[in-house]
PDB file of N, CA and C in Angstrom:
ATOM      1  N   MET A   1      -5.622  60.875 -12.441  1.00  0.00           N
ATOM      2  CA  MET A   1      -4.421  61.440 -12.265  1.00  0.00           C
ATOM      3  C   MET A   1      -3.304  60.763 -12.276  1.00  0.00           C
ATOM      4  N   ILE A   2      -2.358  61.615 -12.117  1.00  0.00           N
ATOM      5  CA  ILE A   2      -0.485  60.909 -12.134  1.00  0.00           C
ATOM      6  C   ILE A   2      -0.119  60.783 -10.905  1.00  0.00           C
ATOM      7  N   ASP A   3       0.107  59.818 -10.653  1.00  0.00           N
ATOM      8  CA  ASP A   3       0.331  59.206  -8.904  1.00  0.00           C
ATOM      9  C   ASP A   3       1.656  58.871  -8.953  1.00  0.00           C
ATOM     10  N   ASN A   4       2.768  58.918  -7.672  1.00  0.00           N
ATOM     11  CA  ASN A   4       4.394  58.874  -7.805  1.00  0.00           C
ATOM     12  C   ASN A   4       4.246  58.676  -8.807  1.00  0.00           C
ATOM     13  N   CYS A   5       4.820  59.072  -9.559  1.00  0.00           N
ATOM     14  CA  CYS A   5       5.569  59.584 -11.511  1.00  0.00           C
ATOM     15  C   CYS A   5       7.032  59.371 -10.803  1.00  0.00           C
ATOM     16  N   ILE A   6       8.097  58.864 -10.900  1.00  0.00           N
ATOM     17  CA  ILE A   6       9.845  58.333 -10.422  1.00  0.00           C
ATOM     18  C   ILE A   6      10.534  57.667 -12.167  1.00  0.00           C
ATOM     19  N   SER A   7      11.477  58.276 -12.126  1.00  0.00           N
ATOM     20  CA  SER A   7      12.363  58.184 -13.361  1.00  0.00           C
ATOM     21  C   SER A   7      13.719  57.374 -12.755  1.00  0.00           C
ATOM     22  N   THR A   8      13.931  56.043 -13.644  1.00  0.00           N
ATOM     23  CA  THR A   8      14.464  55.736 -12.661  1.00  0.00           C
ATOM     24  C   THR A   8      15.553  54.877 -13.862  1.00  0.00           C
ATOM     25  N   ASP A   9      16.233  53.905 -14.082  1.00  0.00           N
ATOM     26  CA  ASP A   9      17.186  53.911 -15.096  1.00  0.00           C
ATOM     27  C   ASP A   9      17.987  55.016 -15.679  1.00  0.00           C
ATOM     28  N   SER A  10      18.811  55.746 -15.245  1.00  0.00           N
ATOM     29  CA  SER A  10      18.966  56.890 -15.146  1.00  0.00           C
ATOM     30  C   SER A  10      18.920  57.524 -16.373  1.00  0.00           C
ATOM     31  N   GLY A  11      17.010  57.382 -16.033  1.00  0.00           N
ATOM     32  CA  GLY A  11      16.544  58.860 -16.534  1.00  0.00           C
ATOM     33  C   GLY A  11      15.958  58.866 -18.249  1.00  0.00           C
ATOM     34  N   LYS A  12      16.225  56.668 -17.836  1.00  0.00           N
ATOM     35  CA  LYS A  12      15.823  56.321 -19.133  1.00  0.00           C
ATOM     36  C   LYS A  12      14.824  55.509 -19.478  1.00  0.00           C
ATOM     37  N   THR A  13      13.766  55.422 -18.159  1.00  0.00           N
ATOM     38  CA  THR A  13      12.650  54.753 -17.916  1.00  0.00           C
ATOM     39  C   THR A  13      12.150  56.193 -16.606  1.00  0.00           C
ATOM     40  N   ILE A  14      10.520  56.362 -17.339  1.00  0.00           N
ATOM     41  CA  ILE A  14       9.093  56.960 -16.424  1.00  0.00           C
ATOM     42  C   ILE A  14       8.601  56.135 -16.134  1.00  0.00           C
ATOM     43  N   GLU A  15       8.465  55.989 -14.632  1.00  0.00           N
ATOM     44  CA  GLU A  15       7.010  55.060 -14.505  1.00  0.00           C
ATOM     45  C   GLU A  15       5.717  56.176 -13.287  1.00  0.00           C
ATOM     46  N   TRP A  16       4.860  55.807 -13.599  1.00  0.00           N
ATOM     47  CA  TRP A  16       4.050  56.125 -13.487  1.00  0.00           C
ATOM     48  C   TRP A  16       2.229  55.325 -12.715  1.00  0.00           C
ATOM     49  N   GLU A  17       2.157  56.231 -12.065  1.00  0.00           N
ATOM     50  CA  GLU A  17       0.309  54.541 -11.108  1.00  0.00           C
ATOM     51  C   GLU A  17      -0.745  56.424 -11.664  1.00  0.00           C
ATOM     52  N   PHE A  18      -1.273  55.381 -12.252  1.00  0.00           N
ATOM     53  CA  PHE A  18      -2.741  56.039 -12.526  1.00  0.00           C
ATOM     54  C   PHE A  18      -4.129  54.778 -12.515  1.00  0.00           C
ATOM     55  N   ASN A  19      -5.599  55.221 -12.151  1.00  0.00           N
ATOM     56  CA  ASN A  19      -6.168  54.306 -11.526  1.00  0.00           C
ATOM     57  C   ASN A  19      -5.546  52.606 -10.728  1.00  0.00           C
ATOM     58  N   SER A  20      -4.956  52.398 -10.008  1.00  0.00           N
ATOM     59  CA  SER A  20      -4.507  51.452  -9.464  1.00  0.00           C
ATOM     60  C   SER A  20      -3.076  50.315 -10.494  1.00  0.00           C
ATOM     61  N   ARG A  21      -3.307  51.225 -11.641  1.00  0.00           N
ATOM     62  CA  ARG A  21      -2.295  50.388 -12.636  1.00  0.00           C
ATOM     63  C   ARG A  21      -0.841  51.687 -13.087  1.00  0.00           C
ATOM     64  N   LYS A  22       0.105  50.055 -12.637  1.00  0.00           N
ATOM     65  CA  LYS A  22       1.243  50.816 -13.187  1.00  0.00           C
ATOM     66  C   LYS A  22       2.011  51.227 -14.982  1.00  0.00           C
ATOM     67  N   ILE A  23       1.877  52.438 -14.855  1.00  0.00           N
ATOM     68  CA  ILE A  23       2.133  52.888 -16.176  1.00  0.00           C
ATOM     69  C   ILE A  23       3.838  52.886 -16.750  1.00  0.00           C
ATOM     70  N   VAL A  24       5.032  52.657 -17.448  1.00  0.00           N
ATOM     71  CA  VAL A  24       6.429  52.951 -17.497  1.00  0.00           C
ATOM     72  C   VAL A  24       6.305  52.780 -19.278  1.00  0.00           C
ATOM     73  N   LYS A  25       7.069  53.620 -19.315  1.00  0.00           N
ATOM     74  CA  LYS A  25       7.407  54.213 -20.817  1.00  0.00           C
ATOM     75  C   LYS A  25       9.460  54.789 -20.096  1.00  0.00           C
ATOM     76  N   LYS A  26       9.514  53.076 -21.374  1.00  0.00           N
ATOM     77  CA  LYS A  26      11.253  53.241 -20.596  1.00  0.00           C
ATOM     78  C   LYS A  26      11.495  53.345 -22.698  1.00  0.00           C
ATOM     79  N   TYR A  27      12.831  53.943 -22.912  1.00  0.00           N
ATOM     80  CA  TYR A  27      14.020  54.628 -23.916  1.00  0.00           C
ATOM     81  C   TYR A  27      15.039  54.643 -23.941  1.00  0.00           C
ATOM     82  N   ASP A  28      16.288  54.157 -24.235  1.00  0.00           N
ATOM     83  CA  ASP A  28      17.017  54.015 -25.527  1.00  0.00           C
ATOM     84  C   ASP A  28      18.194  55.275 -24.081  1.00  0.00           C
ATOM     85  N   TYR A  29      17.685  56.260 -24.210  1.00  0.00           N
ATOM     86  CA  TYR A  29      18.229  57.424 -24.059  1.00  0.00           C
ATOM     87  C   TYR A  29      17.792  57.835 -22.337  1.00  0.00           C
ATOM     88  N   GLN A  30      18.026  58.673 -21.855  1.00  0.00           N
ATOM     89  CA  GLN A  30      17.671  60.078 -20.682  1.00  0.00           C
ATOM     90  C   GLN A  30      16.767  60.224 -21.581  1.00  0.00           C
ATOM     91  N   VAL A  31      15.324  61.070 -20.607  1.00  0.00           N
ATOM     92  CA  VAL A  31      14.351  61.511 -21.304  1.00  0.00           C
ATOM     93  C   VAL A  31      13.760  62.610 -19.649  1.00  0.00           C
ATOM     94  N   TYR A  32      13.739  63.313 -20.475  1.00  0.00           N
ATOM     95  CA  TYR A  32      13.047  64.897 -19.166  1.00  0.00           C
ATOM     96  C   TYR A  32      11.849  64.443 -19.241  1.00  0.00           C
ATOM     97  N   PHE A  33      10.824  65.578 -18.069  1.00  0.00           N
ATOM     98  CA  PHE A  33       9.322  65.343 -18.162  1.00  0.00           C
ATOM     99  C   PHE A  33       8.739  65.684 -17.012  1.00  0.00           C
ATOM    100  N   GLU A  34       7.697  66.755 -17.232  1.00  0.00           N
ATOM    101  CA  GLU A  34       7.182  67.153 -16.596  1.00  0.00           C
ATOM    102  C   GLU A  34       5.989  67.280 -15.789  1.00  0.00           C
ATOM    103  N   ILE A  35       5.199  67.315 -14.941  1.00  0.00           N
ATOM    104  CA  ILE A  35       3.615  66.543 -15.247  1.00  0.00           C
ATOM    105  C   ILE A  35       2.789  68.092 -14.894  1.00  0.00           C
ATOM    106  N   GLY A  36       1.952  68.269 -15.557  1.00  0.00           N
ATOM    107  CA  GLY A  36       1.510  69.405 -16.040  1.00  0.00           C
ATOM    108  C   GLY A  36      -0.250  69.456 -15.874  1.00  0.00           C
ATOM    109  N   GLY A  37      -0.720  71.260 -15.270  1.00  0.00           N
ATOM    110  CA  GLY A  37      -2.438  70.416 -15.376  1.00  0.00           C
ATOM    111  C   GLY A  37      -2.089  69.979 -13.914  1.00  0.00           C
ATOM    112  N   ALA A  38      -3.300  69.552 -12.861  1.00  0.00           N
ATOM    113  CA  ALA A  38      -3.732  68.536 -11.750  1.00  0.00           C
ATOM    114  C   ALA A  38      -3.035  67.633 -11.844  1.00  0.00           C
ATOM    115  N   GLY A  39      -1.855  66.749 -12.795  1.00  0.00           N
ATOM    116  CA  GLY A  39      -1.192  65.442 -12.750  1.00  0.00           C
ATOM    117  C   GLY A  39      -2.901  64.937 -13.292  1.00  0.00           C
ATOM    118  N   ASP A  40      -3.159  65.756 -14.946  1.00  0.00           N
ATOM    119  CA  ASP A  40      -4.220  65.133 -16.188  1.00  0.00           C
ATOM    120  C   ASP A  40      -3.200  64.489 -17.204  1.00  0.00           C
ATOM    121  N   TYR A  41      -2.094  64.810 -17.557  1.00  0.00           N
ATOM    122  CA  TYR A  41      -1.105  64.235 -18.558  1.00  0.00           C
ATOM    123  C   TYR A  41      -0.140  64.952 -18.251  1.00  0.00           C
ATOM    124  N   ILE A  42       0.393  64.598 -19.142  1.00  0.00           N
ATOM    125  CA  ILE A  42       2.999  64.847 -18.534  1.00  0.00           C
ATOM    126  C   ILE A  42       3.914  64.774 -20.381  1.00  0.00           C
ATOM    127  N   VAL A  43       4.212  65.489 -19.779  1.00  0.00           N
ATOM    128  CA  VAL A  43       5.009  65.752 -20.987  1.00  0.00           C
ATOM    129  C   VAL A  43       6.380  65.379 -20.927  1.00  0.00           C
ATOM    130  N   VAL A  44       7.101  64.955 -22.206  1.00  0.00           N
ATOM    131  CA  VAL A  44       8.214  64.384 -22.038  1.00  0.00           C
ATOM    132  C   VAL A  44       8.676  64.184 -23.190  1.00  0.00           C
ATOM    133  N   VAL A  45      10.617  65.037 -22.719  1.00  0.00           N
ATOM    134  CA  VAL A  45      11.387  64.720 -23.909  1.00  0.00           C
ATOM    135  C   VAL A  45      11.995  63.754 -24.566  1.00  0.00           C
ATOM    136  N   GLU A  46      11.740  62.875 -25.513  1.00  0.00           N
ATOM    137  CA  GLU A  46      11.866  62.207 -25.864  1.00  0.00           C
ATOM    138  C   GLU A  46      13.362  62.285 -25.859  1.00  0.00           C
ATOM    139  N   PRO A  47      14.010  61.360 -26.805  1.00  0.00           N
ATOM    140  CA  PRO A  47      15.768  61.558 -26.934  1.00  0.00           C
ATOM    141  C   PRO A  47      15.691  62.267 -28.091  1.00  0.00           C
ATOM    142  N   ASP A  48      16.522  62.802 -29.166  1.00  0.00           N
ATOM    143  CA  ASP A  48      16.468  62.998 -29.781  1.00  0.00           C
ATOM    144  C   ASP A  48      16.510  62.409 -31.698  1.00  0.00           C
ATOM    145  N   ASN A  49      17.126  61.629 -31.413  1.00  0.00           N
ATOM    146  CA  ASN A  49      17.687  61.063 -32.558  1.00  0.00           C
ATOM    147  C   ASN A  49      15.836  59.785 -33.476  1.00  0.00           C
ATOM    148  N   GLU A  50      15.191  59.829 -32.733  1.00  0.00           N
ATOM    149  CA  GLU A  50      13.736  59.060 -33.781  1.00  0.00           C
ATOM    150  C   GLU A  50      12.846  60.483 -34.506  1.00  0.00           C
ATOM    151  N   PHE A  51      12.479  61.106 -33.549  1.00  0.00           N
ATOM    152  CA  PHE A  51      11.314  62.782 -34.427  1.00  0.00           C
ATOM    153  C   PHE A  51      12.186  63.890 -33.633  1.00  0.00           C
ATOM    154  N   SER A  52      12.941  63.979 -33.904  1.00  0.00           N
ATOM    155  CA  SER A  52      13.558  65.554 -34.114  1.00  0.00           C
ATOM    156  C   SER A  52      13.195  65.988 -35.001  1.00  0.00           C
ATOM    157  N   PRO A  53      12.915  67.312 -34.981  1.00  0.00           N
ATOM    158  CA  PRO A  53      12.715  68.249 -34.534  1.00  0.00           C
ATOM    159  C   PRO A  53      11.736  68.040 -33.256  1.00  0.00           C
ATOM    160  N   ASN A  54      10.607  67.687 -33.570  1.00  0.00           N
ATOM    161  CA  ASN A  54       9.409  67.378 -32.575  1.00  0.00           C
ATOM    162  C   ASN A  54       9.568  66.302 -31.555  1.00  0.00           C
ATOM    163  N   ASN A  55      10.922  65.903 -30.414  1.00  0.00           N
ATOM    164  CA  ASN A  55      10.616  64.160 -30.066  1.00  0.00           C
ATOM    165  C   ASN A  55      10.162  65.556 -28.787  1.00  0.00           C
ATOM    166  N   ALA A  56       8.984  65.900 -28.115  1.00  0.00           N
ATOM    167  CA  ALA A  56       8.241  66.047 -27.367  1.00  0.00           C
ATOM    168  C   ALA A  56       7.272  65.252 -27.409  1.00  0.00           C
ATOM    169  N   ILE A  57       5.958  64.900 -26.843  1.00  0.00           N
ATOM    170  CA  ILE A  57       5.165  64.265 -26.209  1.00  0.00           C
ATOM    171  C   ILE A  57       4.509  64.461 -24.998  1.00  0.00           C
ATOM    172  N   ILE A  58       3.210  64.527 -25.057  1.00  0.00           N
ATOM    173  CA  ILE A  58       1.891  63.818 -24.320  1.00  0.00           C
ATOM    174  C   ILE A  58       1.294  62.906 -23.839  1.00  0.00           C
ATOM    175  N   PHE A  59       1.286  62.575 -22.741  1.00  0.00           N
ATOM    176  CA  PHE A  59       1.207  61.399 -22.701  1.00  0.00           C
ATOM    177  C   PHE A  59      -0.569  61.691 -21.918  1.00  0.00           C
ATOM    178  N   ASN A  60      -1.325  61.090 -21.653  1.00  0.00           N
ATOM    179  CA  ASN A  60      -2.589  61.103 -20.701  1.00  0.00           C
ATOM    180  C   ASN A  60      -2.401  60.173 -19.475  1.00  0.00           C
ATOM    181  N   PRO A  61      -2.631  60.263 -18.879  1.00  0.00           N
ATOM    182  CA  PRO A  61      -3.115  59.866 -16.798  1.00  0.00           C
ATOM    183  C   PRO A  61      -2.947  57.618 -17.830  1.00  0.00           C
ATOM    184  N   ASP A  62      -3.057  57.200 -18.739  1.00  0.00           N
ATOM    185  CA  ASP A  62      -3.182  56.088 -19.130  1.00  0.00           C
ATOM    186  C   ASP A  62      -2.280  55.793 -19.582  1.00  0.00           C
ATOM    187  N   GLY A  63      -1.145  56.488 -20.567  1.00  0.00           N
ATOM    188  CA  GLY A  63      -0.497  56.119 -21.084  1.00  0.00           C
ATOM    189  C   GLY A  63      -0.486  56.477 -22.090  1.00  0.00           C
ATOM    190  N   THR A  64      -2.111  56.155 -23.108  1.00  0.00           N
ATOM    191  CA  THR A  64      -1.670  56.776 -24.267  1.00  0.00           C
ATOM    192  C   THR A  64      -1.382  57.904 -25.000  1.00  0.00           C
ATOM    193  N   GLU A  65      -1.733  58.075 -26.198  1.00  0.00           N
ATOM    194  CA  GLU A  65      -0.143  59.431 -26.948  1.00  0.00           C
ATOM    195  C   GLU A  65      -1.795  59.924 -26.337  1.00  0.00           C
ATOM    196  N   ARG A  66      -1.696  61.469 -26.260  1.00  0.00           N
ATOM    197  CA  ARG A  66      -1.976  62.772 -26.109  1.00  0.00           C
ATOM    198  C   ARG A  66      -2.335  63.918 -27.630  1.00  0.00           C
ATOM    199  N   LYS A  67      -0.699  63.544 -27.822  1.00  0.00           N
ATOM    200  CA  LYS A  67      -0.198  64.866 -28.261  1.00  0.00           C
ATOM    201  C   LYS A  67       1.754  64.666 -29.505  1.00  0.00           C
ATOM    202  N   ARG A  68       1.695  64.620 -29.777  1.00  0.00           N
ATOM    203  CA  ARG A  68       3.489  65.175 -30.571  1.00  0.00           C
ATOM    204  C   ARG A  68       3.212  66.233 -30.753  1.00  0.00           C
ATOM    205  N   ILE A  69       4.046  67.097 -29.909  1.00  0.00           N
ATOM    206  CA  ILE A  69       4.303  68.612 -30.009  1.00  0.00           C
ATOM    207  C   ILE A  69       4.920  69.567 -31.331  1.00  0.00           C
ATOM    208  N   ILE A  70       4.650  69.926 -31.820  1.00  0.00           N
ATOM    209  CA  ILE A  70       4.995  70.733 -32.733  1.00  0.00           C
ATOM    210  C   ILE A  70       6.407  72.097 -33.007  1.00  0.00           C
ATOM    211  N   ASN A  71       7.431  70.941 -33.383  1.00  0.00           N
ATOM    212  CA  ASN A  71       8.501  72.067 -33.316  1.00  0.00           C
ATOM    213  C   ASN A  71       8.316  73.528 -33.494  1.00  0.00           C
ATOM    214  N   PRO A  72       7.612  74.920 -33.339  1.00  0.00           N
ATOM    215  CA  PRO A  72       7.870  75.648 -33.712  1.00  0.00           C
ATOM    216  C   PRO A  72       8.754  76.495 -34.683  1.00  0.00           C
ATOM    217  N   LEU A  73      10.097  76.118 -33.792  1.00  0.00           N
ATOM    218  CA  LEU A  73      11.069  76.074 -35.246  1.00  0.00           C
ATOM    219  C   LEU A  73      11.410  75.209 -35.896  1.00  0.00           C
ATOM    220  N   SER A  74      10.821  73.343 -36.564  1.00  0.00           N
ATOM    221  CA  SER A  74      11.467  73.026 -36.659  1.00  0.00           C
ATOM    222  C   SER A  74      11.491  73.297 -38.377  1.00  0.00           C
ATOM    223  N   ASN A  75      10.555  74.226 -39.288  1.00  0.00           N
ATOM    224  CA  ASN A  75      11.184  75.314 -40.107  1.00  0.00           C
ATOM    225  C   ASN A  75      12.006  75.439 -39.843  1.00  0.00           C
ATOM    226  N   ASP A  76      12.703  76.092 -39.571  1.00  0.00           N
ATOM    227  CA  ASP A  76      13.672  77.067 -40.032  1.00  0.00           C
ATOM    228  C   ASP A  76      15.377  77.371 -38.125  1.00  0.00           C
ATOM    229  N   GLY A  77      15.203  75.093 -39.022  1.00  0.00           N
ATOM    230  CA  GLY A  77      16.375  74.646 -38.220  1.00  0.00           C
ATOM    231  C   GLY A  77      16.582  74.380 -37.143  1.00  0.00           C
ATOM    232  N   ALA A  78      15.996  73.835 -36.295  1.00  0.00           N
ATOM    233  CA  ALA A  78      15.768  73.423 -34.986  1.00  0.00           C
ATOM    234  C   ALA A  78      16.614  72.145 -34.954  1.00  0.00           C
ATOM    235  N   ILE A  79      17.365  71.658 -33.728  1.00  0.00           N
ATOM    236  CA  ILE A  79      17.947  70.660 -34.410  1.00  0.00           C
ATOM    237  C   ILE A  79      16.780  68.788 -32.975  1.00  0.00           C
ATOM    238  N   CYS A  80      16.191  70.391 -31.803  1.00  0.00           N
ATOM    239  CA  CYS A  80      15.491  69.302 -30.740  1.00  0.00           C
ATOM    240  C   CYS A  80      14.850  70.098 -29.588  1.00  0.00           C
ATOM    241  N   PHE A  81      13.379  69.479 -29.231  1.00  0.00           N
ATOM    242  CA  PHE A  81      13.591  70.328 -27.802  1.00  0.00           C
ATOM    243  C   PHE A  81      14.937  68.770 -26.986  1.00  0.00           C
ATOM    244  N   GLY A  82      15.204  70.100 -26.058  1.00  0.00           N
ATOM    245  CA  GLY A  82      16.664  70.273 -25.015  1.00  0.00           C
ATOM    246  C   GLY A  82      16.075  69.848 -23.345  1.00  0.00           C
ATOM    247  N   ASP A  83      15.158  70.531 -23.597  1.00  0.00           N
ATOM    248  CA  ASP A  83      14.602  70.203 -22.140  1.00  0.00           C
ATOM    249  C   ASP A  83      13.445  70.778 -21.643  1.00  0.00           C
ATOM    250  N   VAL A  84      12.132  70.548 -20.683  1.00  0.00           N
ATOM    251  CA  VAL A  84      10.853  70.713 -19.949  1.00  0.00           C
ATOM    252  C   VAL A  84      11.513  71.181 -18.569  1.00  0.00           C
ATOM    253  N   TYR A  85      10.646  72.251 -18.306  1.00  0.00           N
ATOM    254  CA  TYR A  85      10.232  72.428 -16.705  1.00  0.00           C
ATOM    255  C   TYR A  85       8.878  73.222 -16.558  1.00  0.00           C
ATOM    256  N   ARG A  86       8.509  73.587 -15.592  1.00  0.00           N
ATOM    257  CA  ARG A  86       7.252  74.194 -14.412  1.00  0.00           C
ATOM    258  C   ARG A  86       7.623  75.429 -14.267  1.00  0.00           C
ATOM    259  N   GLU A  87       7.356  76.538 -15.033  1.00  0.00           N
ATOM    260  CA  GLU A  87       7.547  78.357 -14.742  1.00  0.00           C
ATOM    261  C   GLU A  87       6.507  78.880 -14.554  1.00  0.00           C
ATOM    262  N   ARG A  88       6.326  79.939 -13.244  1.00  0.00           N
ATOM    263  CA  ARG A  88       4.916  79.878 -13.070  1.00  0.00           C
ATOM    264  C   ARG A  88       3.387  79.578 -13.510  1.00  0.00           C
ATOM    265  N   GLY A  89       3.516  77.978 -12.966  1.00  0.00           N
ATOM    266  CA  GLY A  89       2.453  77.098 -13.809  1.00  0.00           C
ATOM    267  C   GLY A  89       2.779  76.774 -14.920  1.00  0.00           C
ATOM    268  N   SER A  90       3.099  77.249 -16.409  1.00  0.00           N
ATOM    269  CA  SER A  90       3.357  76.494 -17.072  1.00  0.00           C
ATOM    270  C   SER A  90       4.338  75.801 -17.590  1.00  0.00           C
ATOM    271  N   ILE A  91       3.933  75.076 -18.758  1.00  0.00           N
ATOM    272  CA  ILE A  91       5.441  73.871 -18.462  1.00  0.00           C
ATOM    273  C   ILE A  91       5.837  74.951 -20.001  1.00  0.00           C
ATOM    274  N   VAL A  92       7.595  74.345 -19.851  1.00  0.00           N
ATOM    275  CA  VAL A  92       8.025  75.059 -20.048  1.00  0.00           C
ATOM    276  C   VAL A  92       8.758  73.661 -21.884  1.00  0.00           C
ATOM    277  N   LEU A  93       8.797  74.177 -22.719  1.00  0.00           N
ATOM    278  CA  LEU A  93      10.211  73.410 -23.442  1.00  0.00           C
ATOM    279  C   LEU A  93      11.012  74.112 -24.031  1.00  0.00           C
ATOM    280  N   VAL A  94      12.139  73.636 -24.280  1.00  0.00           N
ATOM    281  CA  VAL A  94      13.198  73.945 -25.382  1.00  0.00           C
ATOM    282  C   VAL A  94      13.665  73.255 -26.425  1.00  0.00           C
ATOM    283  N   SER A  95      13.591  74.570 -27.580  1.00  0.00           N
ATOM    284  CA  SER A  95      14.314  74.120 -28.341  1.00  0.00           C
ATOM    285  C   SER A  95      15.942  74.430 -28.962  1.00  0.00           C
ATOM    286  N   ILE A  96      15.911  73.815 -28.870  1.00  0.00           N
ATOM    287  CA  ILE A  96      17.571  73.715 -29.453  1.00  0.00           C
ATOM    288  C   ILE A  96      17.748  73.924 -30.748  1.00  0.00           C
ATOM    289  N   CYS A  97      18.293  75.531 -30.759  1.00  0.00           N
ATOM    290  CA  CYS A  97      18.336  74.977 -32.850  1.00  0.00           C
ATOM    291  C   CYS A  97      20.049  75.477 -32.868  1.00  0.00           C
ATOM    292  N   PRO A  98      20.742  76.475 -33.501  1.00  0.00           N
ATOM    293  CA  PRO A  98      21.622  76.274 -34.279  1.00  0.00           C
ATOM    294  C   PRO A  98      22.388  76.851 -33.239  1.00  0.00           C
ATOM    295  N   ARG A  99      21.935  78.520 -33.715  1.00  0.00           N
ATOM    296  CA  ARG A  99      22.510  79.654 -32.535  1.00  0.00           C
ATOM    297  C   ARG A  99      22.848  80.542 -31.882  1.00  0.00           C
ATOM    298  N   ALA A 100      21.298  79.349 -31.625  1.00  0.00           N
ATOM    299  CA  ALA A 100      20.427  80.228 -30.032  1.00  0.00           C
ATOM    300  C   ALA A 100      19.224  79.090 -29.437  1.00  0.00           C
ATOM    301  N   ASN A 101      18.234  79.290 -28.043  1.00  0.00           N
ATOM    302  CA  ASN A 101      17.441  78.234 -28.287  1.00  0.00           C
ATOM    303  C   ASN A 101      16.851  79.228 -27.192  1.00  0.00           C
ATOM    304  N   TYR A 102      15.387  78.849 -27.844  1.00  0.00           N
ATOM    305  CA  TYR A 102      13.811  79.733 -27.911  1.00  0.00           C
ATOM    306  C   TYR A 102      13.086  78.640 -26.864  1.00  0.00           C
ATOM    307  N   VAL A 103      12.645  79.027 -25.594  1.00  0.00           N
ATOM    308  CA  VAL A 103      11.969  78.978 -24.532  1.00  0.00           C
ATOM    309  C   VAL A 103      10.350  78.615 -24.982  1.00  0.00           C
ATOM    310  N   CYS A 104       9.246  78.084 -25.242  1.00  0.00           N
ATOM    311  CA  CYS A 104       7.998  77.560 -26.216  1.00  0.00           C
ATOM    312  C   CYS A 104       7.388  76.584 -24.644  1.00  0.00           C
ATOM    313  N   VAL A 105       6.447  78.010 -24.218  1.00  0.00           N
ATOM    314  CA  VAL A 105       5.258  77.632 -23.186  1.00  0.00           C
ATOM    315  C   VAL A 105       4.560  77.290 -23.964  1.00  0.00           C
ATOM    316  N   ILE A 106       4.271  75.694 -24.034  1.00  0.00           N
ATOM    317  CA  ILE A 106       2.939  74.738 -24.560  1.00  0.00           C
ATOM    318  C   ILE A 106       1.348  74.674 -23.153  1.00  0.00           C
ATOM    319  N   ASP A 107       0.433  74.705 -24.304  1.00  0.00           N
ATOM    320  CA  ASP A 107      -0.733  74.243 -23.467  1.00  0.00           C
ATOM    321  C   ASP A 107      -1.021  72.766 -23.087  1.00  0.00           C
ATOM    322  N   SER A 108      -2.375  72.581 -22.125  1.00  0.00           N
ATOM    323  CA  SER A 108      -2.308  71.200 -22.364  1.00  0.00           C
ATOM    324  C   SER A 108      -2.583  70.459 -23.396  1.00  0.00           C
ATOM    325  N   ASP A 109      -2.544  70.662 -24.386  1.00  0.00           N
ATOM    326  CA  ASP A 109      -3.125  70.029 -25.766  1.00  0.00           C
ATOM    327  C   ASP A 109      -2.098  70.035 -26.771  1.00  0.00           C
ATOM    328  N   GLY A 110      -0.954  70.116 -26.201  1.00  0.00           N
ATOM    329  CA  GLY A 110       0.212  70.406 -27.661  1.00  0.00           C
ATOM    330  C   GLY A 110       0.497  71.877 -27.887  1.00  0.00           C
ATOM    331  N   GLY A 111      -0.355  73.031 -28.002  1.00  0.00           N
ATOM    332  CA  GLY A 111      -0.057  73.866 -28.934  1.00  0.00           C
ATOM    333  C   GLY A 111       0.929  74.892 -27.736  1.00  0.00           C
ATOM    334  N   ILE A 112       1.452  75.365 -29.034  1.00  0.00           N
ATOM    335  CA  ILE A 112       2.813  76.616 -28.391  1.00  0.00           C
ATOM    336  C   ILE A 112       1.993  77.345 -28.067  1.00  0.00           C
ATOM    337  N   THR A 113       2.096  78.104 -27.277  1.00  0.00           N
ATOM    338  CA  THR A 113       1.334  79.727 -27.163  1.00  0.00           C
ATOM    339  C   THR A 113       1.972  80.697 -26.444  1.00  0.00           C
ATOM    340  N   SER A 114       3.308  80.848 -26.621  1.00  0.00           N
ATOM    341  CA  SER A 114       4.018  81.739 -26.859  1.00  0.00           C
ATOM    342  C   SER A 114       5.969  81.653 -26.527  1.00  0.00           C
ATOM    343  N   PHE A 115       6.514  82.053 -27.337  1.00  0.00           N
ATOM    344  CA  PHE A 115       8.159  80.976 -27.848  1.00  0.00           C
ATOM    345  C   PHE A 115       8.701  82.599 -28.099  1.00  0.00           C
ATOM    346  N   HIS A 116       9.967  81.833 -27.062  1.00  0.00           N
ATOM    347  CA  HIS A 116      11.213  84.005 -27.259  1.00  0.00           C
ATOM    348  C   HIS A 116      12.303  83.311 -27.586  1.00  0.00           C
ATOM    349  N   GLU A 117      13.125  83.574 -27.941  1.00  0.00           N
ATOM    350  CA  GLU A 117      14.746  83.173 -27.509  1.00  0.00           C
ATOM    351  C   GLU A 117      14.955  83.621 -25.883  1.00  0.00           C
ATOM    352  N   THR A 118      15.490  82.651 -25.963  1.00  0.00           N
ATOM    353  CA  THR A 118      16.618  82.752 -24.737  1.00  0.00           C
ATOM    354  C   THR A 118      18.181  82.019 -25.122  1.00  0.00           C
ATOM    355  N   ARG A 119      19.184  82.303 -23.902  1.00  0.00           N
ATOM    356  CA  ARG A 119      20.302  81.855 -23.873  1.00  0.00           C
ATOM    357  C   ARG A 119      21.262  81.859 -22.880  1.00  0.00           C
TER     358      ARG A 119
END
C-alpha cells in the first residue's frame, strides 16, 4: 500500500513509502497524480513532451510501471492528458484536444471504461 505520498520541488517530484522503502519519481516539469484503489497504485500525468498524447502512467506501489495509458483520442488529434483527479470513487484523466477536452474514466489496469466531451 502507498503511504505518505507527497509532491515536492514545485510539483516536479512525487515521493511515497511502500514497505518502509521510499519511492521517488522525478521529472523536469510539474506532474499531477492521484492514488487509486486502496493505495495499491498511483496514476501520474507526466509532462507532455516525451510520451504525448499517451503521457499518463500507472505505477505499482513499489514504483515499477504497471501500464502506460493509451489516450483514446490519440488518433483523433489528442495533444496530451492534462490532469488527473478522483470523482465518485473513480480515477479520471482529462484528454486535451484542439477543439474540446474529454473526461476519461480509467480502471486500475489503465483501461478506459468511459469517456465523454467536457467544456
